[in-house]
PDB file of N, CA and C in Angstrom:
ATOM      1  N   MET A   1       5.631   4.384  -4.125  1.00  0.00           N
ATOM      2  CA  MET A   1       5.779   4.702  -2.722  1.00  0.00           C
ATOM      3  C   MET A   1       5.155   3.602  -1.873  1.00  0.00           C
ATOM      4  N   GLU A   2       4.008   3.069  -2.292  1.00  0.00           N
ATOM      5  CA  GLU A   2       3.341   2.028  -1.519  1.00  0.00           C
ATOM      6  C   GLU A   2       4.200   0.776  -1.427  1.00  0.00           C
ATOM      7  N   HIS A   3       4.892   0.468  -2.528  1.00  0.00           N
ATOM      8  CA  HIS A   3       5.744  -0.727  -2.543  1.00  0.00           C
ATOM      9  C   HIS A   3       6.857  -0.599  -1.504  1.00  0.00           C
ATOM     10  N   LEU A   4       7.505   0.543  -1.455  1.00  0.00           N
ATOM     11  CA  LEU A   4       8.568   0.779  -0.483  1.00  0.00           C
ATOM     12  C   LEU A   4       8.020   0.693   0.936  1.00  0.00           C
ATOM     13  N   PHE A   5       6.876   1.291   1.175  1.00  0.00           N
ATOM     14  CA  PHE A   5       6.221   1.272   2.485  1.00  0.00           C
ATOM     15  C   PHE A   5       5.986  -0.166   2.940  1.00  0.00           C
ATOM     16  N   LEU A   6       5.392  -0.970   2.074  1.00  0.00           N
ATOM     17  CA  LEU A   6       5.096  -2.361   2.423  1.00  0.00           C
ATOM     18  C   LEU A   6       6.362  -3.195   2.578  1.00  0.00           C
ATOM     19  N   GLU A   7       7.354  -2.920   1.763  1.00  0.00           N
ATOM     20  CA  GLU A   7       8.622  -3.644   1.849  1.00  0.00           C
ATOM     21  C   GLU A   7       9.286  -3.419   3.208  1.00  0.00           C
ATOM     22  N   ILE A   8       9.306  -2.181   3.653  1.00  0.00           N
ATOM     23  CA  ILE A   8       9.926  -1.862   4.942  1.00  0.00           C
ATOM     24  C   ILE A   8       9.126  -2.474   6.085  1.00  0.00           C
ATOM     25  N   LEU A   9       7.805  -2.400   6.020  1.00  0.00           N
ATOM     26  CA  LEU A   9       6.993  -2.994   7.082  1.00  0.00           C
ATOM     27  C   LEU A   9       7.167  -4.508   7.139  1.00  0.00           C
ATOM     28  N   ALA A  10       7.323  -5.145   6.005  1.00  0.00           N
ATOM     29  CA  ALA A  10       7.572  -6.593   5.987  1.00  0.00           C
ATOM     30  C   ALA A  10       8.907  -6.906   6.662  1.00  0.00           C
ATOM     31  N   GLU A  11       9.927  -6.099   6.387  1.00  0.00           N
ATOM     32  CA  GLU A  11      11.226  -6.284   7.035  1.00  0.00           C
ATOM     33  C   GLU A  11      11.111  -6.097   8.544  1.00  0.00           C
ATOM     34  N   GLU A  12      10.368  -5.091   8.962  1.00  0.00           N
ATOM     35  CA  GLU A  12      10.195  -4.832  10.387  1.00  0.00           C
ATOM     36  C   GLU A  12       9.460  -5.986  11.074  1.00  0.00           C
ATOM     37  N   ALA A  13       8.482  -6.559  10.417  1.00  0.00           N
ATOM     38  CA  ALA A  13       7.764  -7.706  10.977  1.00  0.00           C
ATOM     39  C   ALA A  13       8.714  -8.889  11.143  1.00  0.00           C
ATOM     40  N   GLN A  14       9.593  -9.098  10.175  1.00  0.00           N
ATOM     41  CA  GLN A  14      10.571 -10.185  10.265  1.00  0.00           C
ATOM     42  C   GLN A  14      11.565  -9.954  11.396  1.00  0.00           C
ATOM     43  N   ARG A  15      11.839  -8.710  11.703  1.00  0.00           N
ATOM     44  CA  ARG A  15      12.764  -8.371  12.795  1.00  0.00           C
ATOM     45  C   ARG A  15      12.102  -8.484  14.166  1.00  0.00           C
ATOM     46  N   GLY A  16      10.803  -8.713  14.196  1.00  0.00           N
ATOM     47  CA  GLY A  16      10.101  -8.845  15.470  1.00  0.00           C
ATOM     48  C   GLY A  16       9.535  -7.547  15.998  1.00  0.00           C
ATOM     49  N   ASN A  17       9.430  -6.538  15.168  1.00  0.00           N
ATOM     50  CA  ASN A  17       8.903  -5.243  15.594  1.00  0.00           C
ATOM     51  C   ASN A  17       7.398  -5.126  15.405  1.00  0.00           C
ATOM     52  N   LYS A  18       6.737  -6.261  15.291  1.00  0.00           N
ATOM     53  CA  LYS A  18       5.276  -6.285  15.190  1.00  0.00           C
ATOM     54  C   LYS A  18       4.783  -7.408  16.107  1.00  0.00           C
ATOM     55  N   PRO A  19       4.765  -7.140  17.404  1.00  0.00           N
ATOM     56  CA  PRO A  19       4.432  -8.191  18.361  1.00  0.00           C
ATOM     57  C   PRO A  19       2.962  -8.604  18.356  1.00  0.00           C
ATOM     58  N   SER A  20       2.098  -7.744  17.873  1.00  0.00           N
ATOM     59  CA  SER A  20       0.670  -8.071  17.818  1.00  0.00           C
ATOM     60  C   SER A  20       0.129  -7.590  16.480  1.00  0.00           C
ATOM     61  N   ASN A  21      -1.014  -6.947  16.508  1.00  0.00           N
ATOM     62  CA  ASN A  21      -1.600  -6.466  15.256  1.00  0.00           C
ATOM     63  C   ASN A  21      -1.170  -5.043  14.910  1.00  0.00           C
ATOM     64  N   THR A  22      -0.216  -4.494  15.647  1.00  0.00           N
ATOM     65  CA  THR A  22       0.302  -3.157  15.353  1.00  0.00           C
ATOM     66  C   THR A  22       1.829  -3.186  15.343  1.00  0.00           C
ATOM     67  N   PHE A  23       2.418  -2.210  14.678  1.00  0.00           N
ATOM     68  CA  PHE A  23       3.870  -2.104  14.635  1.00  0.00           C
ATOM     69  C   PHE A  23       4.354  -1.232  15.781  1.00  0.00           C
ATOM     70  N   LYS A  24       5.577  -1.479  16.222  1.00  0.00           N
ATOM     71  CA  LYS A  24       6.199  -0.635  17.235  1.00  0.00           C
ATOM     72  C   LYS A  24       6.533   0.714  16.610  1.00  0.00           C
ATOM     73  N   ALA A  25       6.673   1.725  17.450  1.00  0.00           N
ATOM     74  CA  ALA A  25       6.968   3.080  16.974  1.00  0.00           C
ATOM     75  C   ALA A  25       8.263   3.130  16.171  1.00  0.00           C
ATOM     76  N   VAL A  26       9.238   2.324  16.549  1.00  0.00           N
ATOM     77  CA  VAL A  26      10.513   2.318  15.830  1.00  0.00           C
ATOM     78  C   VAL A  26      10.308   1.932  14.365  1.00  0.00           C
ATOM     79  N   SER A  27       9.358   1.076  14.095  1.00  0.00           N
ATOM     80  CA  SER A  27       9.080   0.666  12.714  1.00  0.00           C
ATOM     81  C   SER A  27       8.493   1.815  11.913  1.00  0.00           C
ATOM     82  N   ILE A  28       7.570   2.522  12.506  1.00  0.00           N
ATOM     83  CA  ILE A  28       6.939   3.655  11.819  1.00  0.00           C
ATOM     84  C   ILE A  28       7.983   4.740  11.555  1.00  0.00           C
ATOM     85  N   ASN A  29       8.859   4.965  12.523  1.00  0.00           N
ATOM     86  CA  ASN A  29       9.930   5.949  12.337  1.00  0.00           C
ATOM     87  C   ASN A  29      10.858   5.543  11.201  1.00  0.00           C
ATOM     88  N   ARG A  30      11.164   4.257  11.113  1.00  0.00           N
ATOM     89  CA  ARG A  30      12.037   3.780  10.030  1.00  0.00           C
ATOM     90  C   ARG A  30      11.382   3.997   8.670  1.00  0.00           C
ATOM     91  N   VAL A  31      10.090   3.748   8.576  1.00  0.00           N
ATOM     92  CA  VAL A  31       9.364   3.970   7.322  1.00  0.00           C
ATOM     93  C   VAL A  31       9.422   5.451   6.947  1.00  0.00           C
ATOM     94  N   ALA A  32       9.163   6.320   7.915  1.00  0.00           N
ATOM     95  CA  ALA A  32       9.174   7.758   7.644  1.00  0.00           C
ATOM     96  C   ALA A  32      10.550   8.222   7.169  1.00  0.00           C
ATOM     97  N   GLU A  33      11.604   7.734   7.813  1.00  0.00           N
ATOM     98  CA  GLU A  33      12.962   8.112   7.414  1.00  0.00           C
ATOM     99  C   GLU A  33      13.287   7.619   6.001  1.00  0.00           C
ATOM    100  N   ALA A  34      12.916   6.392   5.705  1.00  0.00           N
ATOM    101  CA  ALA A  34      13.206   5.827   4.384  1.00  0.00           C
ATOM    102  C   ALA A  34      12.453   6.565   3.289  1.00  0.00           C
ATOM    103  N   LEU A  35      11.198   6.886   3.540  1.00  0.00           N
ATOM    104  CA  LEU A  35      10.418   7.623   2.544  1.00  0.00           C
ATOM    105  C   LEU A  35      10.988   9.024   2.338  1.00  0.00           C
ATOM    106  N   SER A  36      11.407   9.664   3.429  1.00  0.00           N
ATOM    107  CA  SER A  36      12.006  10.995   3.320  1.00  0.00           C
ATOM    108  C   SER A  36      13.280  10.962   2.491  1.00  0.00           C
ATOM    109  N   GLU A  37      14.120   9.964   2.747  1.00  0.00           N
ATOM    110  CA  GLU A  37      15.361   9.838   1.985  1.00  0.00           C
ATOM    111  C   GLU A  37      15.084   9.551   0.511  1.00  0.00           C
ATOM    112  N   ARG A  38      14.167   8.648   0.270  1.00  0.00           N
ATOM    113  CA  ARG A  38      13.882   8.207  -1.108  1.00  0.00           C
ATOM    114  C   ARG A  38      13.283   9.323  -1.952  1.00  0.00           C
ATOM    115  N   PHE A  39      12.369  10.109  -1.358  1.00  0.00           N
ATOM    116  CA  PHE A  39      11.652  11.132  -2.114  1.00  0.00           C
ATOM    117  C   PHE A  39      12.128  12.552  -1.805  1.00  0.00           C
ATOM    118  N   LEU A  40      13.235  12.649  -1.059  1.00  0.00           N
ATOM    119  CA  LEU A  40      13.868  13.940  -0.760  1.00  0.00           C
ATOM    120  C   LEU A  40      12.899  14.961  -0.177  1.00  0.00           C
ATOM    121  N   VAL A  41      12.170  14.532   0.831  1.00  0.00           N
ATOM    122  CA  VAL A  41      11.243  15.450   1.512  1.00  0.00           C
ATOM    123  C   VAL A  41      11.617  15.597   2.959  1.00  0.00           C
TER     124      VAL A  41
END
């Protein structure tokens, strides 16, 4: 699960969704959706 979490956050940073030392809300939402889909929760 940690690997998927970090992979998605790295993608979001490359897309410009991390303008400073924090991620934008859209990035956190994307992580939550991906984890839900992957682990069927």
